[in-house]
Amino acid sequence: MEQGWVKIYTSSDFFKSEMVRQVLAEYQIVAVIINKKNPYQIGDVEIYIHQDDFQEALEIIVKNDL
């Protein structure tokens, strides 16, 4: 991952991670999903955002109970 990006969310549920990404997109926050699951669906799905958006994104996630 390039410099300036930080992990804001981790889940084992891809669908929930996609919901979080969509909510952040509604607030014009660019979020990238990194799927670290293996072929047996073991692992996590991580969401990264630009570090400048971290505080706002965290507030959005908490406010929306995600």
N, C-alpha and C. Protein backbone atom coordinates (compact mmCIF):
# COMPACT_ATOMS: atom_id res chain seq x y z
N MET A 1 0.85 -1.18 0.00
CA MET A 1 0.00 0.00 0.00
C MET A 1 0.89 1.24 0.00
N GLU A 2 0.47 2.24 -0.70
CA GLU A 2 1.25 3.47 -0.80
C GLU A 2 1.28 4.21 0.53
N GLN A 3 2.25 5.09 0.66
CA GLN A 3 2.34 5.90 1.87
C GLN A 3 1.13 6.81 1.98
N GLY A 4 0.74 7.09 3.20
CA GLY A 4 -0.37 8.00 3.44
C GLY A 4 -1.71 7.30 3.60
N TRP A 5 -1.73 5.98 3.45
CA TRP A 5 -2.96 5.21 3.62
C TRP A 5 -2.89 4.45 4.95
N VAL A 6 -4.00 4.42 5.66
CA VAL A 6 -4.06 3.73 6.94
C VAL A 6 -5.27 2.80 6.98
N LYS A 7 -5.13 1.74 7.76
CA LYS A 7 -6.24 0.79 7.92
C LYS A 7 -7.23 1.37 8.91
N ILE A 8 -8.50 1.39 8.52
CA ILE A 8 -9.54 1.94 9.39
C ILE A 8 -10.50 0.86 9.86
N TYR A 9 -10.54 -0.27 9.16
CA TYR A 9 -11.55 -1.28 9.48
C TYR A 9 -11.06 -2.66 9.07
N THR A 10 -11.36 -3.66 9.89
CA THR A 10 -11.04 -5.05 9.59
C THR A 10 -12.23 -5.92 9.98
N SER A 11 -12.56 -6.87 9.12
CA SER A 11 -13.65 -7.80 9.40
C SER A 11 -13.38 -9.11 8.67
N SER A 12 -13.99 -10.16 9.15
CA SER A 12 -13.92 -11.43 8.43
C SER A 12 -15.08 -11.55 7.45
N ASP A 13 -16.01 -10.59 7.50
CA ASP A 13 -17.21 -10.60 6.66
C ASP A 13 -17.04 -9.60 5.50
N PHE A 14 -16.89 -10.13 4.27
CA PHE A 14 -16.69 -9.25 3.12
C PHE A 14 -17.88 -8.33 2.91
N PHE A 15 -19.11 -8.84 3.08
CA PHE A 15 -20.31 -8.04 2.87
C PHE A 15 -20.34 -6.84 3.80
N LYS A 16 -20.02 -7.04 5.07
CA LYS A 16 -20.03 -5.93 6.03
C LYS A 16 -18.95 -4.91 5.67
N SER A 17 -17.80 -5.39 5.24
CA SER A 17 -16.73 -4.48 4.83
C SER A 17 -17.16 -3.64 3.63
N GLU A 18 -17.86 -4.25 2.69
CA GLU A 18 -18.36 -3.51 1.52
C GLU A 18 -19.39 -2.47 1.94
N MET A 19 -20.21 -2.79 2.93
CA MET A 19 -21.18 -1.80 3.43
C MET A 19 -20.45 -0.60 4.02
N VAL A 20 -19.39 -0.84 4.79
CA VAL A 20 -18.61 0.25 5.38
C VAL A 20 -18.00 1.09 4.27
N ARG A 21 -17.44 0.45 3.24
CA ARG A 21 -16.83 1.19 2.13
C ARG A 21 -17.87 2.07 1.43
N GLN A 22 -19.08 1.52 1.24
CA GLN A 22 -20.15 2.28 0.58
C GLN A 22 -20.58 3.50 1.41
N VAL A 23 -20.69 3.33 2.71
CA VAL A 23 -21.07 4.46 3.58
C VAL A 23 -20.00 5.54 3.52
N LEU A 24 -18.73 5.14 3.57
CA LEU A 24 -17.66 6.14 3.47
C LEU A 24 -17.69 6.85 2.12
N ALA A 25 -18.01 6.12 1.06
CA ALA A 25 -18.10 6.72 -0.28
C ALA A 25 -19.22 7.76 -0.34
N GLU A 26 -20.30 7.52 0.39
CA GLU A 26 -21.40 8.49 0.44
C GLU A 26 -20.95 9.82 1.03
N TYR A 27 -19.92 9.79 1.86
CA TYR A 27 -19.35 10.99 2.46
C TYR A 27 -18.11 11.48 1.70
N GLN A 28 -17.94 11.00 0.48
CA GLN A 28 -16.82 11.36 -0.39
C GLN A 28 -15.46 11.00 0.20
N ILE A 29 -15.40 9.90 0.92
CA ILE A 29 -14.14 9.39 1.43
C ILE A 29 -13.76 8.17 0.60
N VAL A 30 -12.62 8.24 -0.05
CA VAL A 30 -12.15 7.13 -0.87
C VAL A 30 -11.65 6.03 0.06
N ALA A 31 -12.22 4.84 -0.10
CA ALA A 31 -11.83 3.69 0.72
C ALA A 31 -11.51 2.53 -0.21
N VAL A 32 -10.47 1.78 0.14
CA VAL A 32 -10.03 0.66 -0.67
C VAL A 32 -10.13 -0.61 0.17
N ILE A 33 -10.74 -1.65 -0.41
CA ILE A 33 -10.84 -2.93 0.27
C ILE A 33 -9.70 -3.82 -0.17
N ILE A 34 -9.04 -4.42 0.80
CA ILE A 34 -7.99 -5.42 0.55
C ILE A 34 -8.51 -6.74 1.13
N ASN A 35 -8.76 -7.69 0.25
CA ASN A 35 -9.28 -8.99 0.66
C ASN A 35 -8.10 -9.92 0.93
N LYS A 36 -7.88 -10.25 2.18
CA LYS A 36 -6.77 -11.11 2.57
C LYS A 36 -7.23 -12.52 2.90
N LYS A 37 -8.43 -12.87 2.44
CA LYS A 37 -8.93 -14.22 2.65
C LYS A 37 -8.23 -15.18 1.69
N ASN A 38 -7.99 -16.39 2.16
CA ASN A 38 -7.38 -17.39 1.30
C ASN A 38 -8.49 -18.15 0.55
N PRO A 39 -8.16 -19.08 -0.31
CA PRO A 39 -9.20 -19.82 -1.06
C PRO A 39 -10.21 -20.56 -0.18
N TYR A 40 -9.86 -20.81 1.07
CA TYR A 40 -10.77 -21.48 2.00
C TYR A 40 -11.60 -20.49 2.81
N GLN A 41 -11.54 -19.22 2.42
CA GLN A 41 -12.29 -18.13 3.07
C GLN A 41 -11.87 -17.90 4.51
N ILE A 42 -10.60 -18.16 4.80
CA ILE A 42 -10.04 -17.89 6.12
C ILE A 42 -9.17 -16.65 6.01
N GLY A 43 -9.41 -15.70 6.88
CA GLY A 43 -8.64 -14.47 6.86
C GLY A 43 -9.55 -13.27 7.04
N ASP A 44 -9.01 -12.10 6.80
CA ASP A 44 -9.75 -10.86 7.01
C ASP A 44 -9.85 -10.03 5.75
N VAL A 45 -10.79 -9.10 5.81
CA VAL A 45 -10.96 -8.09 4.77
C VAL A 45 -10.67 -6.76 5.45
N GLU A 46 -9.76 -5.98 4.87
CA GLU A 46 -9.34 -4.71 5.47
C GLU A 46 -9.75 -3.53 4.59
N ILE A 47 -10.06 -2.42 5.25
CA ILE A 47 -10.39 -1.19 4.53
C ILE A 47 -9.33 -0.15 4.87
N TYR A 48 -8.79 0.45 3.82
CA TYR A 48 -7.79 1.51 3.96
C TYR A 48 -8.34 2.81 3.42
N ILE A 49 -7.97 3.90 4.09
CA ILE A 49 -8.34 5.25 3.65
C ILE A 49 -7.10 6.13 3.73
N HIS A 50 -7.19 7.30 3.13
CA HIS A 50 -6.08 8.24 3.23
C HIS A 50 -6.03 8.78 4.66
N GLN A 51 -4.84 8.92 5.18
CA GLN A 51 -4.68 9.33 6.58
C GLN A 51 -5.33 10.67 6.90
N ASP A 52 -5.47 11.55 5.93
CA ASP A 52 -6.11 12.85 6.17
C ASP A 52 -7.60 12.70 6.49
N ASP A 53 -8.21 11.59 6.05
CA ASP A 53 -9.64 11.35 6.28
C ASP A 53 -9.91 10.48 7.50
N PHE A 54 -8.88 10.11 8.23
CA PHE A 54 -9.03 9.12 9.31
C PHE A 54 -10.05 9.55 10.36
N GLN A 55 -9.93 10.73 10.91
CA GLN A 55 -10.81 11.16 12.00
C GLN A 55 -12.26 11.23 11.53
N GLU A 56 -12.49 11.81 10.36
CA GLU A 56 -13.86 11.91 9.84
C GLU A 56 -14.44 10.51 9.58
N ALA A 57 -13.64 9.63 8.99
CA ALA A 57 -14.11 8.27 8.70
C ALA A 57 -14.43 7.51 9.98
N LEU A 58 -13.61 7.66 10.98
CA LEU A 58 -13.86 7.00 12.26
C LEU A 58 -15.17 7.48 12.87
N GLU A 59 -15.42 8.76 12.81
CA GLU A 59 -16.68 9.32 13.33
C GLU A 59 -17.87 8.77 12.55
N ILE A 60 -17.75 8.64 11.24
CA ILE A 60 -18.82 8.12 10.40
C ILE A 60 -19.12 6.66 10.77
N ILE A 61 -18.07 5.87 10.93
CA ILE A 61 -18.23 4.46 11.28
C ILE A 61 -18.92 4.33 12.63
N VAL A 62 -18.52 5.11 13.61
CA VAL A 62 -19.12 5.05 14.94
C VAL A 62 -20.58 5.55 14.89
N LYS A 63 -20.80 6.66 14.20
CA LYS A 63 -22.13 7.25 14.12
C LYS A 63 -23.12 6.29 13.46
N ASN A 64 -22.68 5.56 12.47
CA ASN A 64 -23.56 4.63 11.74
C ASN A 64 -23.56 3.23 12.33
N ASP A 65 -22.88 3.06 13.46
CA ASP A 65 -22.85 1.79 14.17
C ASP A 65 -22.43 0.64 13.25
N LEU A 66 -21.32 0.88 12.54
CA LEU A 66 -20.82 -0.13 11.59
C LEU A 66 -19.77 -0.97 12.19
